[in-house]
Amino acid sequence: MAAVALANGLNANMLRKWVAEADSNPQGATPVDHKLPANPVPAFVPLALAAPRSPADGGDIRIEVRRAGTTVSICWPSTSGGTCAAWLRDLLR
């Protein structure tokens, strides 16, 4: 039972409790012995995030590569992301 609980991200003790409750109630009715919190926590909590910078705002790709005691810092325009990726791929070969 512990392996099944672990494989499904559950607490093994909670799974044992659920199985015991199901065995004691063969009709399938769920016992109502659990109390809900007075102020339930909302399922969705909105977060305030900064707006992403667009290429028109001067957003850049910034990369720092450290290799064999040498550090290279690159600032590449985000409008040329594909060429930046190709350059970085060639550099790291």
PDB file of N, CA and C in Angstrom:
ATOM      1  N   MET A   1       0.824  -1.186   0.000  1.00  0.00           N
ATOM      2  CA  MET A   1       0.000   0.000   0.000  1.00  0.00           C
ATOM      3  C   MET A   1       0.874   1.258   0.000  1.00  0.00           C
ATOM      4  N   ALA A   2       2.002   1.195   0.697  1.00  0.00           N
ATOM      5  CA  ALA A   2       2.894   2.348   0.741  1.00  0.00           C
ATOM      6  C   ALA A   2       3.439   2.667  -0.641  1.00  0.00           C
ATOM      7  N   ALA A   3       3.757   1.639  -1.435  1.00  0.00           N
ATOM      8  CA  ALA A   3       4.286   1.859  -2.787  1.00  0.00           C
ATOM      9  C   ALA A   3       3.243   2.518  -3.685  1.00  0.00           C
ATOM     10  N   VAL A   4       2.000   2.096  -3.548  1.00  0.00           N
ATOM     11  CA  VAL A   4       0.914   2.696  -4.343  1.00  0.00           C
ATOM     12  C   VAL A   4       0.743   4.158  -3.962  1.00  0.00           C
ATOM     13  N   ALA A   5       0.780   4.440  -2.659  1.00  0.00           N
ATOM     14  CA  ALA A   5       0.642   5.821  -2.198  1.00  0.00           C
ATOM     15  C   ALA A   5       1.780   6.670  -2.727  1.00  0.00           C
ATOM     16  N   LEU A   6       3.008   6.171  -2.608  1.00  0.00           N
ATOM     17  CA  LEU A   6       4.174   6.919  -3.071  1.00  0.00           C
ATOM     18  C   LEU A   6       4.116   7.166  -4.573  1.00  0.00           C
ATOM     19  N   ALA A   7       3.707   6.159  -5.330  1.00  0.00           N
ATOM     20  CA  ALA A   7       3.635   6.297  -6.784  1.00  0.00           C
ATOM     21  C   ALA A   7       2.610   7.339  -7.215  1.00  0.00           C
ATOM     22  N   ASN A   8       1.642   7.602  -6.353  1.00  0.00           N
ATOM     23  CA  ASN A   8       0.593   8.577  -6.684  1.00  0.00           C
ATOM     24  C   ASN A   8       0.708   9.868  -5.895  1.00  0.00           C
ATOM     25  N   GLY A   9       1.838  10.054  -5.212  1.00  0.00           N
ATOM     26  CA  GLY A   9       2.066  11.299  -4.487  1.00  0.00           C
ATOM     27  C   GLY A   9       1.175  11.472  -3.267  1.00  0.00           C
ATOM     28  N   LEU A  10       0.783  10.365  -2.657  1.00  0.00           N
ATOM     29  CA  LEU A  10      -0.091  10.429  -1.490  1.00  0.00           C
ATOM     30  C   LEU A  10       0.664  10.016  -0.235  1.00  0.00           C
ATOM     31  N   ASN A  11       0.127  10.390   0.907  1.00  0.00           N
ATOM     32  CA  ASN A  11       0.654   9.958   2.185  1.00  0.00           C
ATOM     33  C   ASN A  11       0.116   8.561   2.459  1.00  0.00           C
ATOM     34  N   ALA A  12       1.003   7.605   2.783  1.00  0.00           N
ATOM     35  CA  ALA A  12       0.590   6.217   2.989  1.00  0.00           C
ATOM     36  C   ALA A  12      -0.411   6.085   4.133  1.00  0.00           C
ATOM     37  N   ASN A  13      -0.234   6.851   5.198  1.00  0.00           N
ATOM     38  CA  ASN A  13      -1.181   6.786   6.322  1.00  0.00           C
ATOM     39  C   ASN A  13      -2.569   7.232   5.904  1.00  0.00           C
ATOM     40  N   MET A  14      -2.628   8.263   5.061  1.00  0.00           N
ATOM     41  CA  MET A  14      -3.931   8.757   4.598  1.00  0.00           C
ATOM     42  C   MET A  14      -4.596   7.710   3.708  1.00  0.00           C
ATOM     43  N   LEU A  15      -3.812   7.045   2.851  1.00  0.00           N
ATOM     44  CA  LEU A  15      -4.371   6.008   1.985  1.00  0.00           C
ATOM     45  C   LEU A  15      -4.917   4.858   2.819  1.00  0.00           C
ATOM     46  N   ARG A  16      -4.182   4.450   3.862  1.00  0.00           N
ATOM     47  CA  ARG A  16      -4.669   3.375   4.747  1.00  0.00           C
ATOM     48  C   ARG A  16      -5.993   3.773   5.405  1.00  0.00           C
ATOM     49  N   LYS A  17      -6.096   5.032   5.811  1.00  0.00           N
ATOM     50  CA  LYS A  17      -7.327   5.518   6.437  1.00  0.00           C
ATOM     51  C   LYS A  17      -8.493   5.458   5.446  1.00  0.00           C
ATOM     52  N   TRP A  18      -8.234   5.869   4.204  1.00  0.00           N
ATOM     53  CA  TRP A  18      -9.291   5.850   3.188  1.00  0.00           C
ATOM     54  C   TRP A  18      -9.738   4.419   2.906  1.00  0.00           C
ATOM     55  N   VAL A  19      -8.789   3.496   2.827  1.00  0.00           N
ATOM     56  CA  VAL A  19      -9.140   2.096   2.563  1.00  0.00           C
ATOM     57  C   VAL A  19      -9.957   1.540   3.722  1.00  0.00           C
ATOM     58  N   ALA A  20      -9.546   1.850   4.953  1.00  0.00           N
ATOM     59  CA  ALA A  20     -10.300   1.375   6.124  1.00  0.00           C
ATOM     60  C   ALA A  20     -11.711   1.947   6.117  1.00  0.00           C
ATOM     61  N   GLU A  21     -11.859   3.217   5.779  1.00  0.00           N
ATOM     62  CA  GLU A  21     -13.185   3.829   5.706  1.00  0.00           C
ATOM     63  C   GLU A  21     -14.030   3.181   4.623  1.00  0.00           C
ATOM     64  N   ALA A  22     -13.423   2.877   3.487  1.00  0.00           N
ATOM     65  CA  ALA A  22     -14.168   2.253   2.394  1.00  0.00           C
ATOM     66  C   ALA A  22     -14.592   0.837   2.770  1.00  0.00           C
ATOM     67  N   ASP A  23     -13.714   0.108   3.495  1.00  0.00           N
ATOM     68  CA  ASP A  23     -14.055  -1.251   3.918  1.00  0.00           C
ATOM     69  C   ASP A  23     -15.178  -1.248   4.943  1.00  0.00           C
ATOM     70  N   SER A  24     -15.218  -0.246   5.810  1.00  0.00           N
ATOM     71  CA  SER A  24     -16.248  -0.191   6.841  1.00  0.00           C
ATOM     72  C   SER A  24     -17.582   0.331   6.305  1.00  0.00           C
ATOM     73  N   ASN A  25     -17.581   0.867   5.104  1.00  0.00           N
ATOM     74  CA  ASN A  25     -18.789   1.427   4.517  1.00  0.00           C
ATOM     75  C   ASN A  25     -18.967   0.845   3.116  1.00  0.00           C
ATOM     76  N   PRO A  26     -19.469  -0.386   2.982  1.00  0.00           N
ATOM     77  CA  PRO A  26     -19.536  -1.042   1.672  1.00  0.00           C
ATOM     78  C   PRO A  26     -20.510  -0.414   0.681  1.00  0.00           C
ATOM     79  N   GLN A  27     -21.466   0.405   1.127  1.00  0.00           N
ATOM     80  CA  GLN A  27     -22.416   1.024   0.195  1.00  0.00           C
ATOM     81  C   GLN A  27     -21.784   2.142  -0.622  1.00  0.00           C
ATOM     82  N   GLY A  28     -20.597   2.585  -0.256  1.00  0.00           N
ATOM     83  CA  GLY A  28     -19.916   3.617  -1.022  1.00  0.00           C
ATOM     84  C   GLY A  28     -20.202   5.024  -0.560  1.00  0.00           C
ATOM     85  N   ALA A  29     -21.038   5.187   0.468  1.00  0.00           N
ATOM     86  CA  ALA A  29     -21.309   6.528   0.978  1.00  0.00           C
ATOM     87  C   ALA A  29     -20.093   7.026   1.730  1.00  0.00           C
ATOM     88  N   THR A  30     -19.746   8.245   1.516  1.00  0.00           N
ATOM     89  CA  THR A  30     -18.587   8.837   2.177  1.00  0.00           C
ATOM     90  C   THR A  30     -18.993   9.347   3.542  1.00  0.00           C
ATOM     91  N   PRO A  31     -18.286   8.923   4.604  1.00  0.00           N
ATOM     92  CA  PRO A  31     -18.626   9.455   5.920  1.00  0.00           C
ATOM     93  C   PRO A  31     -18.299  10.941   6.001  1.00  0.00           C
ATOM     94  N   VAL A  32     -19.150  11.680   6.693  1.00  0.00           N
ATOM     95  CA  VAL A  32     -18.968  13.114   6.796  1.00  0.00           C
ATOM     96  C   VAL A  32     -18.451  13.432   8.195  1.00  0.00           C
ATOM     97  N   ASP A  33     -17.178  13.083   8.434  1.00  0.00           N
ATOM     98  CA  ASP A  33     -16.597  13.384   9.737  1.00  0.00           C
ATOM     99  C   ASP A  33     -15.468  14.393   9.618  1.00  0.00           C
ATOM    100  N   HIS A  34     -15.278  14.926   8.445  1.00  0.00           N
ATOM    101  CA  HIS A  34     -14.223  15.907   8.223  1.00  0.00           C
ATOM    102  C   HIS A  34     -14.838  17.296   8.207  1.00  0.00           C
ATOM    103  N   LYS A  35     -14.265  18.189   8.970  1.00  0.00           N
ATOM    104  CA  LYS A  35     -14.770  19.555   9.012  1.00  0.00           C
ATOM    105  C   LYS A  35     -13.988  20.423   8.041  1.00  0.00           C
ATOM    106  N   LEU A  36     -14.696  21.260   7.309  1.00  0.00           N
ATOM    107  CA  LEU A  36     -14.058  22.200   6.400  1.00  0.00           C
ATOM    108  C   LEU A  36     -13.574  23.404   7.189  1.00  0.00           C
ATOM    109  N   PRO A  37     -12.458  24.014   6.779  1.00  0.00           N
ATOM    110  CA  PRO A  37     -11.996  25.204   7.483  1.00  0.00           C
ATOM    111  C   PRO A  37     -13.008  26.338   7.368  1.00  0.00           C
ATOM    112  N   ALA A  38     -13.037  27.193   8.393  1.00  0.00           N
ATOM    113  CA  ALA A  38     -13.979  28.309   8.407  1.00  0.00           C
ATOM    114  C   ALA A  38     -13.729  29.259   7.245  1.00  0.00           C
ATOM    115  N   ASN A  39     -12.461  29.526   6.931  1.00  0.00           N
ATOM    116  CA  ASN A  39     -12.094  30.391   5.811  1.00  0.00           C
ATOM    117  C   ASN A  39     -11.292  29.565   4.822  1.00  0.00           C
ATOM    118  N   PRO A  40     -11.954  28.920   3.872  1.00  0.00           N
ATOM    119  CA  PRO A  40     -11.219  28.067   2.941  1.00  0.00           C
ATOM    120  C   PRO A  40     -10.235  28.879   2.101  1.00  0.00           C
ATOM    121  N   VAL A  41      -9.119  28.269   1.803  1.00  0.00           N
ATOM    122  CA  VAL A  41      -8.091  28.906   0.987  1.00  0.00           C
ATOM    123  C   VAL A  41      -8.530  28.812  -0.471  1.00  0.00           C
ATOM    124  N   PRO A  42      -8.479  29.903  -1.214  1.00  0.00           N
ATOM    125  CA  PRO A  42      -8.900  29.836  -2.621  1.00  0.00           C
ATOM    126  C   PRO A  42      -7.966  28.927  -3.423  1.00  0.00           C
ATOM    127  N   ALA A  43      -8.532  28.267  -4.419  1.00  0.00           N
ATOM    128  CA  ALA A  43      -7.743  27.364  -5.260  1.00  0.00           C
ATOM    129  C   ALA A  43      -6.801  28.154  -6.160  1.00  0.00           C
ATOM    130  N   PHE A  44      -7.164  29.352  -6.507  1.00  0.00           N
ATOM    131  CA  PHE A  44      -6.331  30.179  -7.380  1.00  0.00           C
ATOM    132  C   PHE A  44      -5.947  31.446  -6.634  1.00  0.00           C
ATOM    133  N   VAL A  45      -4.670  31.713  -6.576  1.00  0.00           N
ATOM    134  CA  VAL A  45      -4.188  32.929  -5.926  1.00  0.00           C
ATOM    135  C   VAL A  45      -3.491  33.773  -6.988  1.00  0.00           C
ATOM    136  N   PRO A  46      -4.058  34.903  -7.371  1.00  0.00           N
ATOM    137  CA  PRO A  46      -3.424  35.727  -8.408  1.00  0.00           C
ATOM    138  C   PRO A  46      -2.144  36.373  -7.881  1.00  0.00           C
ATOM    139  N   LEU A  47      -1.150  36.434  -8.724  1.00  0.00           N
ATOM    140  CA  LEU A  47       0.117  37.067  -8.389  1.00  0.00           C
ATOM    141  C   LEU A  47       0.347  38.256  -9.292  1.00  0.00           C
ATOM    142  N   ALA A  48       0.898  39.307  -8.742  1.00  0.00           N
ATOM    143  CA  ALA A  48       1.238  40.481  -9.542  1.00  0.00           C
ATOM    144  C   ALA A  48       2.647  40.269 -10.092  1.00  0.00           C
ATOM    145  N   LEU A  49       2.766  40.218 -11.405  1.00  0.00           N
ATOM    146  CA  LEU A  49       4.054  40.029 -12.061  1.00  0.00           C
ATOM    147  C   LEU A  49       4.375  41.252 -12.909  1.00  0.00           C
ATOM    148  N   ALA A  50       5.651  41.514 -13.046  1.00  0.00           N
ATOM    149  CA  ALA A  50       6.075  42.608 -13.914  1.00  0.00           C
ATOM    150  C   ALA A  50       5.794  42.212 -15.359  1.00  0.00           C
ATOM    151  N   ALA A  51       5.395  43.169 -16.155  1.00  0.00           N
ATOM    152  CA  ALA A  51       5.126  42.900 -17.562  1.00  0.00           C
ATOM    153  C   ALA A  51       6.420  42.519 -18.272  1.00  0.00           C
ATOM    154  N   PRO A  52       6.373  41.515 -19.150  1.00  0.00           N
ATOM    155  CA  PRO A  52       7.581  41.145 -19.871  1.00  0.00           C
ATOM    156  C   PRO A  52       8.022  42.267 -20.801  1.00  0.00           C
ATOM    157  N   ARG A  53       9.306  42.393 -20.946  1.00  0.00           N
ATOM    158  CA  ARG A  53       9.838  43.438 -21.825  1.00  0.00           C
ATOM    159  C   ARG A  53       9.754  42.959 -23.263  1.00  0.00           C
ATOM    160  N   SER A  54       9.287  43.809 -24.116  1.00  0.00           N
ATOM    161  CA  SER A  54       9.203  43.472 -25.534  1.00  0.00           C
ATOM    162  C   SER A  54      10.498  43.906 -26.223  1.00  0.00           C
ATOM    163  N   PRO A  55      10.780  43.378 -27.411  1.00  0.00           N
ATOM    164  CA  PRO A  55      11.981  43.802 -28.137  1.00  0.00           C
ATOM    165  C   PRO A  55      12.015  45.307 -28.374  1.00  0.00           C
ATOM    166  N   ALA A  56      10.840  45.926 -28.500  1.00  0.00           N
ATOM    167  CA  ALA A  56      10.803  47.376 -28.709  1.00  0.00           C
ATOM    168  C   ALA A  56      11.301  48.116 -27.469  1.00  0.00           C
ATOM    169  N   ASP A  57      11.190  47.477 -26.295  1.00  0.00           N
ATOM    170  CA  ASP A  57      11.657  48.091 -25.052  1.00  0.00           C
ATOM    171  C   ASP A  57      13.163  47.934 -24.873  1.00  0.00           C
ATOM    172  N   GLY A  58      13.815  47.278 -25.798  1.00  0.00           N
ATOM    173  CA  GLY A  58      15.250  47.076 -25.669  1.00  0.00           C
ATOM    174  C   GLY A  58      15.607  45.843 -24.867  1.00  0.00           C
ATOM    175  N   GLY A  59      14.692  44.867 -24.811  1.00  0.00           N
ATOM    176  CA  GLY A  59      14.976  43.628 -24.097  1.00  0.00           C
ATOM    177  C   GLY A  59      16.146  42.907 -24.748  1.00  0.00           C
ATOM    178  N   ASP A  60      17.065  42.444 -23.945  1.00  0.00           N
ATOM    179  CA  ASP A  60      18.263  41.786 -24.460  1.00  0.00           C
ATOM    180  C   ASP A  60      18.390  40.386 -23.870  1.00  0.00           C
ATOM    181  N   ILE A  61      19.123  39.540 -24.570  1.00  0.00           N
ATOM    182  CA  ILE A  61      19.511  38.227 -24.078  1.00  0.00           C
ATOM    183  C   ILE A  61      20.868  38.405 -23.429  1.00  0.00           C
ATOM    184  N   ARG A  62      20.969  38.067 -22.165  1.00  0.00           N
ATOM    185  CA  ARG A  62      22.236  38.215 -21.441  1.00  0.00           C
ATOM    186  C   ARG A  62      22.723  36.837 -21.029  1.00  0.00           C
ATOM    187  N   ILE A  63      23.963  36.518 -21.414  1.00  0.00           N
ATOM    188  CA  ILE A  63      24.549  35.213 -21.145  1.00  0.00           C
ATOM    189  C   ILE A  63      25.950  35.417 -20.586  1.00  0.00           C
ATOM    190  N   GLU A  64      26.283  34.610 -19.578  1.00  0.00           N
ATOM    191  CA  GLU A  64      27.638  34.600 -19.050  1.00  0.00           C
ATOM    192  C   GLU A  64      28.142  33.163 -19.122  1.00  0.00           C
ATOM    193  N   VAL A  65      29.252  32.956 -19.831  1.00  0.00           N
ATOM    194  CA  VAL A  65      29.829  31.625 -20.014  1.00  0.00           C
ATOM    195  C   VAL A  65      31.174  31.589 -19.318  1.00  0.00           C
ATOM    196  N   ARG A  66      31.351  30.596 -18.460  1.00  0.00           N
ATOM    197  CA  ARG A  66      32.636  30.393 -17.784  1.00  0.00           C
ATOM    198  C   ARG A  66      33.213  29.080 -18.274  1.00  0.00           C
ATOM    199  N   ARG A  67      34.444  29.149 -18.762  1.00  0.00           N
ATOM    200  CA  ARG A  67      35.086  27.955 -19.300  1.00  0.00           C
ATOM    201  C   ARG A  67      36.582  28.063 -19.118  1.00  0.00           C
ATOM    202  N   ALA A  68      37.174  27.073 -18.459  1.00  0.00           N
ATOM    203  CA  ALA A  68      38.626  26.977 -18.265  1.00  0.00           C
ATOM    204  C   ALA A  68      39.226  28.271 -17.721  1.00  0.00           C
ATOM    205  N   GLY A  69      38.622  28.837 -16.707  1.00  0.00           N
ATOM    206  CA  GLY A  69      39.169  30.034 -16.077  1.00  0.00           C
ATOM    207  C   GLY A  69      38.875  31.326 -16.816  1.00  0.00           C
ATOM    208  N   THR A  70      38.145  31.257 -17.911  1.00  0.00           N
ATOM    209  CA  THR A  70      37.805  32.450 -18.691  1.00  0.00           C
ATOM    210  C   THR A  70      36.302  32.686 -18.601  1.00  0.00           C
ATOM    211  N   THR A  71      35.915  33.937 -18.433  1.00  0.00           N
ATOM    212  CA  THR A  71      34.507  34.300 -18.390  1.00  0.00           C
ATOM    213  C   THR A  71      34.198  35.225 -19.554  1.00  0.00           C
ATOM    214  N   VAL A  72      33.134  34.877 -20.277  1.00  0.00           N
ATOM    215  CA  VAL A  72      32.687  35.694 -21.402  1.00  0.00           C
ATOM    216  C   VAL A  72      31.254  36.132 -21.111  1.00  0.00           C
ATOM    217  N   SER A  73      30.986  37.438 -21.162  1.00  0.00           N
ATOM    218  CA  SER A  73      29.640  37.969 -20.972  1.00  0.00           C
ATOM    219  C   SER A  73      29.133  38.484 -22.305  1.00  0.00           C
ATOM    220  N   ILE A  74      27.933  38.053 -22.664  1.00  0.00           N
ATOM    221  CA  ILE A  74      27.350  38.421 -23.955  1.00  0.00           C
ATOM    222  C   ILE A  74      26.022  39.115 -23.719  1.00  0.00           C
ATOM    223  N   CYS A  75      25.789  40.177 -24.447  1.00  0.00           N
ATOM    224  CA  CYS A  75      24.510  40.874 -24.458  1.00  0.00           C
ATOM    225  C   CYS A  75      24.061  40.898 -25.917  1.00  0.00           C
ATOM    226  N   TRP A  76      22.971  40.171 -26.215  1.00  0.00           N
ATOM    227  CA  TRP A  76      22.524  39.991 -27.591  1.00  0.00           C
ATOM    228  C   TRP A  76      21.111  40.537 -27.708  1.00  0.00           C
ATOM    229  N   PRO A  77      20.780  41.237 -28.803  1.00  0.00           N
ATOM    230  CA  PRO A  77      19.405  41.751 -28.943  1.00  0.00           C
ATOM    231  C   PRO A  77      18.398  40.596 -29.030  1.00  0.00           C
ATOM    232  N   SER A  78      17.305  40.714 -28.305  1.00  0.00           N
ATOM    233  CA  SER A  78      16.319  39.629 -28.273  1.00  0.00           C
ATOM    234  C   SER A  78      15.639  39.426 -29.628  1.00  0.00           C
ATOM    235  N   THR A  79      15.715  40.404 -30.501  1.00  0.00           N
ATOM    236  CA  THR A  79      15.126  40.255 -31.833  1.00  0.00           C
ATOM    237  C   THR A  79      15.904  39.257 -32.674  1.00  0.00           C
ATOM    238  N   SER A  80      17.137  38.930 -32.265  1.00  0.00           N
ATOM    239  CA  SER A  80      17.971  37.982 -33.013  1.00  0.00           C
ATOM    240  C   SER A  80      18.248  36.743 -32.178  1.00  0.00           C
ATOM    241  N   GLY A  81      17.231  36.219 -31.514  1.00  0.00           N
ATOM    242  CA  GLY A  81      17.400  35.064 -30.640  1.00  0.00           C
ATOM    243  C   GLY A  81      17.911  33.825 -31.357  1.00  0.00           C
ATOM    244  N   GLY A  82      17.473  33.607 -32.585  1.00  0.00           N
ATOM    245  CA  GLY A  82      17.918  32.432 -33.349  1.00  0.00           C
ATOM    246  C   GLY A  82      19.404  32.467 -33.648  1.00  0.00           C
ATOM    247  N   THR A  83      19.908  33.632 -34.045  1.00  0.00           N
ATOM    248  CA  THR A  83      21.340  33.737 -34.331  1.00  0.00           C
ATOM    249  C   THR A  83      22.161  33.636 -33.050  1.00  0.00           C
ATOM    250  N   CYS A  84      21.613  34.109 -31.943  1.00  0.00           N
ATOM    251  CA  CYS A  84      22.294  33.981 -30.651  1.00  0.00           C
ATOM    252  C   CYS A  84      22.422  32.506 -30.281  1.00  0.00           C
ATOM    253  N   ALA A  85      21.362  31.736 -30.478  1.00  0.00           N
ATOM    254  CA  ALA A  85      21.395  30.310 -30.168  1.00  0.00           C
ATOM    255  C   ALA A  85      22.415  29.585 -31.032  1.00  0.00           C
ATOM    256  N   ALA A  86      22.459  29.916 -32.327  1.00  0.00           N
ATOM    257  CA  ALA A  86      23.429  29.279 -33.227  1.00  0.00           C
ATOM    258  C   ALA A  86      24.856  29.643 -32.819  1.00  0.00           C
ATOM    259  N   TRP A  87      25.101  30.898 -32.474  1.00  0.00           N
ATOM    260  CA  TRP A  87      26.436  31.334 -32.062  1.00  0.00           C
ATOM    261  C   TRP A  87      26.860  30.622 -30.776  1.00  0.00           C
ATOM    262  N   LEU A  88      25.948  30.524 -29.823  1.00  0.00           N
ATOM    263  CA  LEU A  88      26.254  29.876 -28.559  1.00  0.00           C
ATOM    264  C   LEU A  88      26.519  28.387 -28.758  1.00  0.00           C
ATOM    265  N   ARG A  89      25.763  27.750 -29.629  1.00  0.00           N
ATOM    266  CA  ARG A  89      25.963  26.331 -29.922  1.00  0.00           C
ATOM    267  C   ARG A  89      27.360  26.107 -30.499  1.00  0.00           C
ATOM    268  N   ASP A  90      27.777  26.980 -31.432  1.00  0.00           N
ATOM    269  CA  ASP A  90      29.114  26.863 -32.028  1.00  0.00           C
ATOM    270  C   ASP A  90      30.192  27.130 -30.986  1.00  0.00           C
ATOM    271  N   LEU A  91      29.969  28.079 -30.093  1.00  0.00           N
ATOM    272  CA  LEU A  91      30.960  28.419 -29.065  1.00  0.00           C
ATOM    273  C   LEU A  91      31.178  27.248 -28.109  1.00  0.00           C
ATOM    274  N   LEU A  92      30.126  26.558 -27.749  1.00  0.00           N
ATOM    275  CA  LEU A  92      30.224  25.510 -26.754  1.00  0.00           C
ATOM    276  C   LEU A  92      30.653  24.143 -27.317  1.00  0.00           C
ATOM    277  N   ARG A  93      30.896  24.061 -28.589  1.00  0.00           N
ATOM    278  CA  ARG A  93      31.374  22.793 -29.181  1.00  0.00           C
ATOM    279  C   ARG A  93      32.793  22.551 -28.827  1.00  0.00           C
TER     280      ARG A  93
END
